[in-house]
Structures are given as structure tokens and as C-alpha cells.
Amino acid sequence: MITVIVATRERPTSVMRLLGDVLHQAPSKAEVVVVDQSDAPARERTAAWVAAQDDDRLRHQIHQPPGLPAARNAGLASTVGEIVVFFDDDVTLFPGCLAAHLAAYRDPTVGGVVGRIVEERLVSNAWRTTNRIGRSGRIHTRLDGPDACFVETLKGANMSF
């Protein structure tokens, strides 16, 4: 089973758009958990949207105090998926994104996957597809390449384990 966890804070419009994409791509036995760290108005808006979907795969979970690692861990603690995908709440999924994550695990040596990430605001600082920490401690990243390759570190916007 695949589990998708999306931690969100104060971005109900973005997370609802992403969750719509996820539900469209997720298999029938998937779990989709939105871990909401928002204040009441945004949290209530997201909760109402989740309830209106009437989809057994989708669950809204409140988490306080805010903090991305803790929210992801809270989502993880409440799930049973064998493969867990984490998305940031502001990403847009390419068609086949979840299928590509699942397909990567057909190789028994794969323990983690970072999906393709096309940045809208950040400029890549590497000439080839990579995500690694250089000797100086600086992260060298370019994750918009179309071909699968080995990377040294994952990026939380689109990763699975």
C-alpha cells in the first residue's frame, strides 16, 4: 500500500489543489493524509474540503505546534503504508508521479526516491541532475532532469521511502 503525507500550514488553496491531483493519481487502496498545522480559519477550510470529497482514502489530521519534521512524523505515525510519499503543499504533480514512485521500488535495492522537481523560484546550481552536499557543506541541486539517476540526498518537496 502507498501512503501520501502532505504537511500544510496556512495554504488551504494550495493544499486542496495538490490533494485533488493526489486523489486523481492514487490507487484505490492508498492512504492520503493531510497534516494541518494551520490556525482555525485555514484549518477549517481545509477540513471542510476534505469532508466534501467523501473519499475513504483521504484523512485530515491536526498537528500543533507547527513544525515540518514533527508534522511529517505525526502523519507517518498514523499510517500503515509500505511506501510513504511526502509532498510539500505547494507542488503540482506531473501525470504519473505516484506511479513513478511506485515503479522505482520494483528494484529491491531502492530505499528512497526523489521525484522530478521543477523549481519556479529557485535557480539550479548544478549543470546535471543531482542532489548532493558538496565538501563546503553547500547543497548542489538540479532535479528537473527527465531520466532516473542516483542522487545522494532527497528533497522533501517530492520524496518517498
N, C-alpha and C. Protein backbone atom coordinates (compact mmCIF):
# COMPACT_ATOMS: atom_id res chain seq x y z
N MET A 1 0.84 -1.19 0.00
CA MET A 1 0.00 0.00 0.00
C MET A 1 0.88 1.25 0.00
N ILE A 2 0.41 2.29 -0.67
CA ILE A 2 1.11 3.56 -0.71
C ILE A 2 0.38 4.56 0.19
N THR A 3 1.16 5.34 0.91
CA THR A 3 0.64 6.41 1.74
C THR A 3 1.23 7.72 1.24
N VAL A 4 0.40 8.74 1.12
CA VAL A 4 0.87 10.07 0.77
C VAL A 4 0.62 10.97 1.97
N ILE A 5 1.66 11.67 2.41
CA ILE A 5 1.56 12.59 3.54
C ILE A 5 1.90 13.99 3.04
N VAL A 6 1.00 14.92 3.34
CA VAL A 6 1.19 16.32 2.97
C VAL A 6 1.04 17.15 4.24
N ALA A 7 2.13 17.75 4.68
CA ALA A 7 2.05 18.68 5.81
C ALA A 7 1.74 20.06 5.24
N THR A 8 0.82 20.77 5.88
CA THR A 8 0.44 22.09 5.37
C THR A 8 0.30 23.07 6.52
N ARG A 9 0.49 24.35 6.16
CA ARG A 9 0.31 25.42 7.14
C ARG A 9 -0.11 26.69 6.41
N GLU A 10 -1.33 27.10 6.67
CA GLU A 10 -1.87 28.37 6.17
C GLU A 10 -1.92 28.48 4.65
N ARG A 11 -2.05 27.37 3.95
CA ARG A 11 -2.17 27.41 2.49
C ARG A 11 -3.29 26.49 2.02
N PRO A 12 -4.52 26.75 2.43
CA PRO A 12 -5.61 25.83 2.07
C PRO A 12 -5.85 25.71 0.57
N THR A 13 -5.73 26.80 -0.18
CA THR A 13 -5.96 26.73 -1.62
C THR A 13 -4.93 25.83 -2.28
N SER A 14 -3.66 25.99 -1.92
CA SER A 14 -2.60 25.17 -2.50
C SER A 14 -2.77 23.70 -2.14
N VAL A 15 -3.05 23.43 -0.88
CA VAL A 15 -3.13 22.02 -0.47
C VAL A 15 -4.36 21.34 -1.08
N MET A 16 -5.46 22.07 -1.24
CA MET A 16 -6.64 21.46 -1.87
C MET A 16 -6.36 21.11 -3.33
N ARG A 17 -5.65 21.98 -4.04
CA ARG A 17 -5.29 21.70 -5.43
C ARG A 17 -4.39 20.46 -5.50
N LEU A 18 -3.38 20.41 -4.63
CA LEU A 18 -2.48 19.25 -4.60
C LEU A 18 -3.25 17.97 -4.26
N LEU A 19 -4.08 18.02 -3.24
CA LEU A 19 -4.83 16.82 -2.85
C LEU A 19 -5.73 16.33 -3.96
N GLY A 20 -6.30 17.24 -4.73
CA GLY A 20 -7.08 16.83 -5.90
C GLY A 20 -6.23 16.05 -6.88
N ASP A 21 -5.00 16.54 -7.14
CA ASP A 21 -4.07 15.82 -8.02
C ASP A 21 -3.73 14.45 -7.45
N VAL A 22 -3.44 14.41 -6.15
CA VAL A 22 -3.07 13.15 -5.50
C VAL A 22 -4.21 12.14 -5.58
N LEU A 23 -5.42 12.56 -5.27
CA LEU A 23 -6.56 11.64 -5.32
C LEU A 23 -6.79 11.12 -6.73
N HIS A 24 -6.52 11.94 -7.72
CA HIS A 24 -6.67 11.52 -9.12
C HIS A 24 -5.66 10.42 -9.47
N GLN A 25 -4.46 10.49 -8.90
CA GLN A 25 -3.40 9.53 -9.24
C GLN A 25 -3.31 8.35 -8.28
N ALA A 26 -3.84 8.48 -7.08
CA ALA A 26 -3.63 7.46 -6.05
C ALA A 26 -4.46 6.20 -6.32
N PRO A 27 -3.85 5.04 -6.08
CA PRO A 27 -4.61 3.78 -6.22
C PRO A 27 -5.76 3.73 -5.22
N SER A 28 -6.68 2.82 -5.46
CA SER A 28 -7.89 2.73 -4.62
C SER A 28 -7.59 2.35 -3.18
N LYS A 29 -6.47 1.69 -2.92
CA LYS A 29 -6.14 1.30 -1.55
C LYS A 29 -5.10 2.20 -0.90
N ALA A 30 -4.89 3.37 -1.46
CA ALA A 30 -3.91 4.31 -0.90
C ALA A 30 -4.46 5.00 0.34
N GLU A 31 -3.56 5.55 1.12
CA GLU A 31 -3.89 6.45 2.22
C GLU A 31 -3.37 7.83 1.82
N VAL A 32 -4.16 8.86 2.05
CA VAL A 32 -3.73 10.23 1.80
C VAL A 32 -4.02 11.02 3.06
N VAL A 33 -2.95 11.49 3.71
CA VAL A 33 -3.09 12.18 4.99
C VAL A 33 -2.60 13.61 4.84
N VAL A 34 -3.46 14.57 5.15
CA VAL A 34 -3.04 15.96 5.21
C VAL A 34 -2.88 16.30 6.69
N VAL A 35 -1.66 16.68 7.05
CA VAL A 35 -1.34 17.04 8.44
C VAL A 35 -1.37 18.57 8.49
N ASP A 36 -2.40 19.10 9.12
CA ASP A 36 -2.69 20.52 9.08
C ASP A 36 -2.18 21.22 10.33
N GLN A 37 -1.29 22.17 10.12
CA GLN A 37 -0.70 22.95 11.21
C GLN A 37 -1.24 24.38 11.22
N SER A 38 -2.31 24.63 10.48
CA SER A 38 -2.85 25.97 10.29
C SER A 38 -3.62 26.44 11.51
N ASP A 39 -3.82 27.75 11.57
CA ASP A 39 -4.73 28.33 12.54
C ASP A 39 -6.16 28.03 12.09
N ALA A 40 -7.12 28.29 12.99
CA ALA A 40 -8.51 27.87 12.79
C ALA A 40 -9.12 28.20 11.43
N PRO A 41 -9.06 29.42 10.91
CA PRO A 41 -9.77 29.68 9.64
C PRO A 41 -9.27 28.82 8.48
N ALA A 42 -7.98 28.74 8.29
CA ALA A 42 -7.44 27.94 7.19
C ALA A 42 -7.66 26.45 7.45
N ARG A 43 -7.49 26.02 8.69
CA ARG A 43 -7.67 24.61 9.05
C ARG A 43 -9.12 24.17 8.80
N GLU A 44 -10.07 25.02 9.17
CA GLU A 44 -11.49 24.69 8.97
C GLU A 44 -11.84 24.62 7.48
N ARG A 45 -11.24 25.49 6.70
CA ARG A 45 -11.49 25.47 5.26
C ARG A 45 -10.97 24.17 4.63
N THR A 46 -9.77 23.77 5.03
CA THR A 46 -9.21 22.52 4.51
C THR A 46 -10.02 21.32 4.99
N ALA A 47 -10.40 21.31 6.26
CA ALA A 47 -11.19 20.20 6.81
C ALA A 47 -12.52 20.06 6.10
N ALA A 48 -13.17 21.17 5.79
CA ALA A 48 -14.45 21.13 5.08
C ALA A 48 -14.26 20.56 3.67
N TRP A 49 -13.17 20.95 3.00
CA TRP A 49 -12.90 20.43 1.66
C TRP A 49 -12.67 18.93 1.71
N VAL A 50 -11.87 18.49 2.68
CA VAL A 50 -11.59 17.05 2.83
C VAL A 50 -12.89 16.29 3.05
N ALA A 51 -13.74 16.78 3.95
CA ALA A 51 -15.01 16.10 4.23
C ALA A 51 -15.90 16.05 2.98
N ALA A 52 -15.89 17.11 2.19
CA ALA A 52 -16.74 17.17 1.00
C ALA A 52 -16.29 16.18 -0.07
N GLN A 53 -15.04 15.74 -0.03
CA GLN A 53 -14.56 14.77 -1.02
C GLN A 53 -15.20 13.41 -0.83
N ASP A 54 -15.60 13.10 0.40
CA ASP A 54 -16.23 11.82 0.71
C ASP A 54 -15.43 10.65 0.12
N ASP A 55 -14.13 10.67 0.42
CA ASP A 55 -13.20 9.68 -0.12
C ASP A 55 -12.51 8.99 1.05
N ASP A 56 -12.71 7.69 1.17
CA ASP A 56 -12.15 6.93 2.29
C ASP A 56 -10.63 6.94 2.33
N ARG A 57 -9.99 7.27 1.22
CA ARG A 57 -8.52 7.31 1.19
C ARG A 57 -7.98 8.55 1.90
N LEU A 58 -8.78 9.58 2.03
CA LEU A 58 -8.34 10.90 2.47
C LEU A 58 -8.67 11.15 3.94
N ARG A 59 -7.66 11.65 4.67
CA ARG A 59 -7.85 11.95 6.11
C ARG A 59 -7.19 13.28 6.45
N HIS A 60 -7.87 14.06 7.27
CA HIS A 60 -7.36 15.35 7.75
C HIS A 60 -6.94 15.18 9.20
N GLN A 61 -5.73 15.58 9.50
CA GLN A 61 -5.18 15.41 10.84
C GLN A 61 -4.61 16.75 11.30
N ILE A 62 -4.96 17.18 12.50
CA ILE A 62 -4.46 18.44 13.04
C ILE A 62 -3.19 18.18 13.82
N HIS A 63 -2.21 19.06 13.65
CA HIS A 63 -0.95 18.93 14.38
C HIS A 63 -0.49 20.30 14.89
N GLN A 64 -0.24 20.37 16.16
CA GLN A 64 0.30 21.58 16.80
C GLN A 64 1.34 21.15 17.82
N PRO A 65 2.36 21.92 18.09
CA PRO A 65 2.71 23.19 17.46
C PRO A 65 3.28 22.95 16.08
N PRO A 66 3.28 23.99 15.23
CA PRO A 66 3.77 23.85 13.87
C PRO A 66 5.26 23.47 13.82
N GLY A 67 5.59 22.70 12.83
CA GLY A 67 6.97 22.29 12.57
C GLY A 67 6.95 21.18 11.55
N LEU A 68 7.62 21.36 10.42
CA LEU A 68 7.54 20.41 9.33
C LEU A 68 8.01 19.00 9.70
N PRO A 69 9.18 18.81 10.29
CA PRO A 69 9.59 17.44 10.63
C PRO A 69 8.61 16.75 11.59
N ALA A 70 8.16 17.47 12.59
CA ALA A 70 7.21 16.89 13.55
C ALA A 70 5.88 16.56 12.89
N ALA A 71 5.42 17.42 11.98
CA ALA A 71 4.17 17.15 11.27
C ALA A 71 4.30 15.92 10.39
N ARG A 72 5.41 15.81 9.68
CA ARG A 72 5.62 14.61 8.86
C ARG A 72 5.67 13.36 9.72
N ASN A 73 6.34 13.43 10.85
CA ASN A 73 6.41 12.28 11.76
C ASN A 73 5.04 11.93 12.32
N ALA A 74 4.23 12.93 12.64
CA ALA A 74 2.88 12.68 13.13
C ALA A 74 2.05 11.97 12.06
N GLY A 75 2.17 12.41 10.82
CA GLY A 75 1.47 11.74 9.74
C GLY A 75 1.95 10.31 9.57
N LEU A 76 3.24 10.12 9.64
CA LEU A 76 3.82 8.80 9.49
C LEU A 76 3.36 7.86 10.61
N ALA A 77 3.27 8.36 11.82
CA ALA A 77 2.86 7.53 12.96
C ALA A 77 1.41 7.06 12.84
N SER A 78 0.61 7.73 12.02
CA SER A 78 -0.80 7.37 11.91
C SER A 78 -1.12 6.54 10.68
N THR A 79 -0.09 6.05 9.98
CA THR A 79 -0.32 5.36 8.71
C THR A 79 0.24 3.94 8.73
N VAL A 80 -0.11 3.19 7.71
CA VAL A 80 0.36 1.80 7.61
C VAL A 80 1.00 1.48 6.26
N GLY A 81 1.17 2.46 5.39
CA GLY A 81 1.68 2.22 4.05
C GLY A 81 3.08 1.63 4.04
N GLU A 82 3.33 0.77 3.07
CA GLU A 82 4.67 0.19 2.89
C GLU A 82 5.59 1.17 2.19
N ILE A 83 5.02 2.00 1.33
CA ILE A 83 5.74 3.06 0.64
C ILE A 83 5.08 4.37 1.06
N VAL A 84 5.89 5.30 1.55
CA VAL A 84 5.37 6.58 2.02
C VAL A 84 5.94 7.69 1.15
N VAL A 85 5.05 8.49 0.59
CA VAL A 85 5.43 9.62 -0.25
C VAL A 85 5.13 10.90 0.52
N PHE A 86 6.08 11.81 0.53
CA PHE A 86 5.90 13.13 1.14
C PHE A 86 5.89 14.18 0.03
N PHE A 87 4.87 15.03 0.04
CA PHE A 87 4.82 16.16 -0.88
C PHE A 87 4.70 17.44 -0.06
N ASP A 88 5.35 18.51 -0.52
CA ASP A 88 5.08 19.83 0.03
C ASP A 88 3.70 20.26 -0.45
N ASP A 89 3.06 21.13 0.31
CA ASP A 89 1.69 21.51 -0.01
C ASP A 89 1.54 22.42 -1.22
N ASP A 90 2.63 22.90 -1.78
CA ASP A 90 2.55 23.82 -2.91
C ASP A 90 3.05 23.22 -4.22
N VAL A 91 3.21 21.90 -4.28
CA VAL A 91 3.69 21.29 -5.52
C VAL A 91 2.53 20.98 -6.46
N THR A 92 2.85 20.88 -7.73
CA THR A 92 1.92 20.45 -8.76
C THR A 92 2.45 19.14 -9.31
N LEU A 93 1.63 18.11 -9.32
CA LEU A 93 2.08 16.80 -9.78
C LEU A 93 2.03 16.69 -11.29
N PHE A 94 3.09 16.16 -11.86
CA PHE A 94 3.06 15.77 -13.26
C PHE A 94 2.21 14.51 -13.36
N PRO A 95 1.57 14.27 -14.51
CA PRO A 95 0.85 13.00 -14.67
C PRO A 95 1.80 11.82 -14.44
N GLY A 96 1.32 10.82 -13.73
CA GLY A 96 2.12 9.62 -13.48
C GLY A 96 3.11 9.73 -12.34
N CYS A 97 3.07 10.80 -11.58
CA CYS A 97 4.05 11.00 -10.50
C CYS A 97 4.00 9.86 -9.48
N LEU A 98 2.82 9.55 -8.97
CA LEU A 98 2.73 8.48 -7.97
C LEU A 98 3.09 7.12 -8.57
N ALA A 99 2.69 6.88 -9.80
CA ALA A 99 3.05 5.61 -10.47
C ALA A 99 4.56 5.49 -10.60
N ALA A 100 5.23 6.60 -10.87
CA ALA A 100 6.70 6.56 -10.99
C ALA A 100 7.34 6.25 -9.65
N HIS A 101 6.82 6.82 -8.57
CA HIS A 101 7.35 6.49 -7.25
C HIS A 101 7.20 4.99 -7.00
N LEU A 102 6.01 4.45 -7.24
CA LEU A 102 5.78 3.02 -7.01
C LEU A 102 6.68 2.16 -7.89
N ALA A 103 6.83 2.52 -9.13
CA ALA A 103 7.65 1.73 -10.06
C ALA A 103 9.10 1.65 -9.62
N ALA A 104 9.61 2.70 -9.02
CA ALA A 104 11.02 2.71 -8.59
C ALA A 104 11.30 1.62 -7.57
N TYR A 105 10.30 1.25 -6.79
CA TYR A 105 10.50 0.25 -5.73
C TYR A 105 10.42 -1.19 -6.24
N ARG A 106 10.23 -1.37 -7.52
CA ARG A 106 10.34 -2.72 -8.10
C ARG A 106 11.77 -3.21 -8.00
N ASP A 107 12.71 -2.27 -7.94
CA ASP A 107 14.12 -2.59 -7.74
C ASP A 107 14.33 -2.73 -6.23
N PRO A 108 14.65 -3.93 -5.75
CA PRO A 108 14.77 -4.14 -4.30
C PRO A 108 15.91 -3.38 -3.64
N THR A 109 16.80 -2.79 -4.42
CA THR A 109 17.90 -2.03 -3.83
C THR A 109 17.52 -0.57 -3.58
N VAL A 110 16.34 -0.16 -4.03
CA VAL A 110 15.90 1.22 -3.84
C VAL A 110 15.24 1.37 -2.48
N GLY A 111 15.74 2.34 -1.70
CA GLY A 111 15.17 2.61 -0.38
C GLY A 111 14.53 3.97 -0.28
N GLY A 112 14.84 4.84 -1.23
CA GLY A 112 14.28 6.19 -1.24
C GLY A 112 14.29 6.75 -2.65
N VAL A 113 13.33 7.60 -2.92
CA VAL A 113 13.18 8.19 -4.25
C VAL A 113 12.89 9.67 -4.09
N VAL A 114 13.55 10.49 -4.90
CA VAL A 114 13.17 11.89 -5.02
C VAL A 114 12.62 12.05 -6.43
N GLY A 115 11.41 12.58 -6.52
CA GLY A 115 10.80 12.78 -7.83
C GLY A 115 11.34 14.02 -8.51
N ARG A 116 11.01 14.14 -9.76
CA ARG A 116 11.41 15.31 -10.54
C ARG A 116 10.84 16.57 -9.90
N ILE A 117 11.68 17.59 -9.76
CA ILE A 117 11.26 18.86 -9.17
C ILE A 117 11.69 19.97 -10.11
N VAL A 118 10.73 20.68 -10.65
CA VAL A 118 10.99 21.84 -11.48
C VAL A 118 10.69 23.06 -10.62
N GLU A 119 11.74 23.76 -10.26
CA GLU A 119 11.60 24.93 -9.38
C GLU A 119 11.05 26.12 -10.14
N GLU A 120 10.13 26.84 -9.51
CA GLU A 120 9.61 28.06 -10.11
C GLU A 120 10.40 29.28 -9.66
N ARG A 121 10.94 29.24 -8.45
CA ARG A 121 11.60 30.41 -7.90
C ARG A 121 13.10 30.25 -7.71
N LEU A 122 13.57 29.04 -7.53
CA LEU A 122 14.99 28.82 -7.29
C LEU A 122 15.69 28.42 -8.57
N VAL A 123 16.90 28.90 -8.74
CA VAL A 123 17.71 28.56 -9.90
C VAL A 123 18.62 27.40 -9.52
N SER A 124 18.64 26.38 -10.37
CA SER A 124 19.52 25.24 -10.11
C SER A 124 20.97 25.70 -10.09
N ASN A 125 21.76 25.10 -9.22
CA ASN A 125 23.18 25.48 -9.14
C ASN A 125 24.09 24.34 -9.57
N ALA A 126 23.57 23.44 -10.39
CA ALA A 126 24.36 22.33 -10.93
C ALA A 126 24.01 22.17 -12.41
N TRP A 127 24.94 21.65 -13.18
CA TRP A 127 24.71 21.51 -14.62
C TRP A 127 24.06 20.19 -15.00
N ARG A 128 24.09 19.20 -14.08
CA ARG A 128 23.47 17.91 -14.37
C ARG A 128 22.49 17.56 -13.25
N THR A 129 21.69 16.53 -13.46
CA THR A 129 20.74 16.10 -12.44
C THR A 129 21.52 15.58 -11.24
N THR A 130 21.30 16.21 -10.10
CA THR A 130 22.00 15.83 -8.88
C THR A 130 21.29 16.42 -7.67
N ASN A 131 21.57 15.91 -6.54
CA ASN A 131 21.20 16.49 -5.26
C ASN A 131 22.21 15.92 -4.26
N ARG A 132 23.20 16.75 -3.94
CA ARG A 132 24.28 16.27 -3.08
C ARG A 132 24.82 17.42 -2.25
N ILE A 133 25.51 17.06 -1.21
CA ILE A 133 26.16 18.04 -0.35
C ILE A 133 27.63 18.07 -0.74
N GLY A 134 28.10 19.26 -1.13
CA GLY A 134 29.50 19.42 -1.52
C GLY A 134 30.42 19.45 -0.32
N ARG A 135 31.71 19.46 -0.56
CA ARG A 135 32.70 19.48 0.52
C ARG A 135 32.55 20.69 1.43
N SER A 136 32.07 21.79 0.87
CA SER A 136 31.90 23.02 1.66
C SER A 136 30.64 22.99 2.51
N GLY A 137 29.79 21.97 2.31
CA GLY A 137 28.52 21.90 3.02
C GLY A 137 27.36 22.45 2.22
N ARG A 138 27.65 23.03 1.07
CA ARG A 138 26.61 23.59 0.21
C ARG A 138 25.90 22.46 -0.54
N ILE A 139 24.58 22.58 -0.66
CA ILE A 139 23.82 21.59 -1.41
C ILE A 139 23.83 21.98 -2.89
N HIS A 140 24.26 21.06 -3.73
CA HIS A 140 24.25 21.23 -5.17
C HIS A 140 23.02 20.49 -5.68
N THR A 141 22.12 21.21 -6.33
CA THR A 141 20.86 20.58 -6.72
C THR A 141 20.40 20.97 -8.11
N ARG A 142 19.92 19.98 -8.80
CA ARG A 142 19.19 20.14 -10.06
C ARG A 142 18.38 18.85 -10.21
N LEU A 143 17.09 18.96 -10.00
CA LEU A 143 16.24 17.77 -10.01
C LEU A 143 15.16 17.83 -11.09
N ASP A 144 15.42 18.59 -12.14
CA ASP A 144 14.42 18.71 -13.20
C ASP A 144 14.72 17.83 -14.41
N GLY A 145 15.71 16.97 -14.31
CA GLY A 145 16.06 16.09 -15.43
C GLY A 145 15.01 15.01 -15.65
N PRO A 146 14.84 14.56 -16.89
CA PRO A 146 13.80 13.58 -17.20
C PRO A 146 14.20 12.13 -16.94
N ASP A 147 15.49 11.86 -16.72
CA ASP A 147 15.96 10.48 -16.60
C ASP A 147 16.26 10.11 -15.15
N ALA A 148 15.97 8.87 -14.81
CA ALA A 148 16.29 8.36 -13.48
C ALA A 148 17.80 8.32 -13.30
N CYS A 149 18.25 8.66 -12.11
CA CYS A 149 19.67 8.59 -11.80
C CYS A 149 19.85 8.53 -10.29
N PHE A 150 21.05 8.20 -9.86
CA PHE A 150 21.38 8.16 -8.44
C PHE A 150 21.58 9.59 -7.93
N VAL A 151 21.00 9.90 -6.79
CA VAL A 151 21.29 11.17 -6.10
C VAL A 151 21.68 10.83 -4.67
N GLU A 152 22.46 11.70 -4.06
CA GLU A 152 22.99 11.43 -2.73
C GLU A 152 22.02 11.79 -1.61
N THR A 153 21.16 12.78 -1.84
CA THR A 153 20.20 13.20 -0.82
C THR A 153 18.85 13.42 -1.49
N LEU A 154 17.79 13.38 -0.70
CA LEU A 154 16.44 13.61 -1.21
C LEU A 154 16.02 15.03 -0.88
N LYS A 155 15.00 15.51 -1.57
CA LYS A 155 14.44 16.83 -1.32
C LYS A 155 12.98 16.65 -0.94
N GLY A 156 12.60 17.22 0.18
CA GLY A 156 11.30 16.95 0.78
C GLY A 156 10.08 17.29 -0.02
N ALA A 157 10.19 18.13 -1.03
CA ALA A 157 9.02 18.54 -1.80
C ALA A 157 8.34 17.36 -2.50
N ASN A 158 9.12 16.32 -2.82
CA ASN A 158 8.63 15.20 -3.61
C ASN A 158 9.56 14.01 -3.36
N MET A 159 9.34 13.32 -2.27
CA MET A 159 10.23 12.20 -1.92
C MET A 159 9.42 11.05 -1.35
N SER A 160 9.99 9.86 -1.44
CA SER A 160 9.33 8.67 -0.88
C SER A 160 10.37 7.71 -0.32
N PHE A 161 9.87 6.86 0.57
CA PHE A 161 10.71 5.84 1.21
C PHE A 161 9.95 4.54 1.30
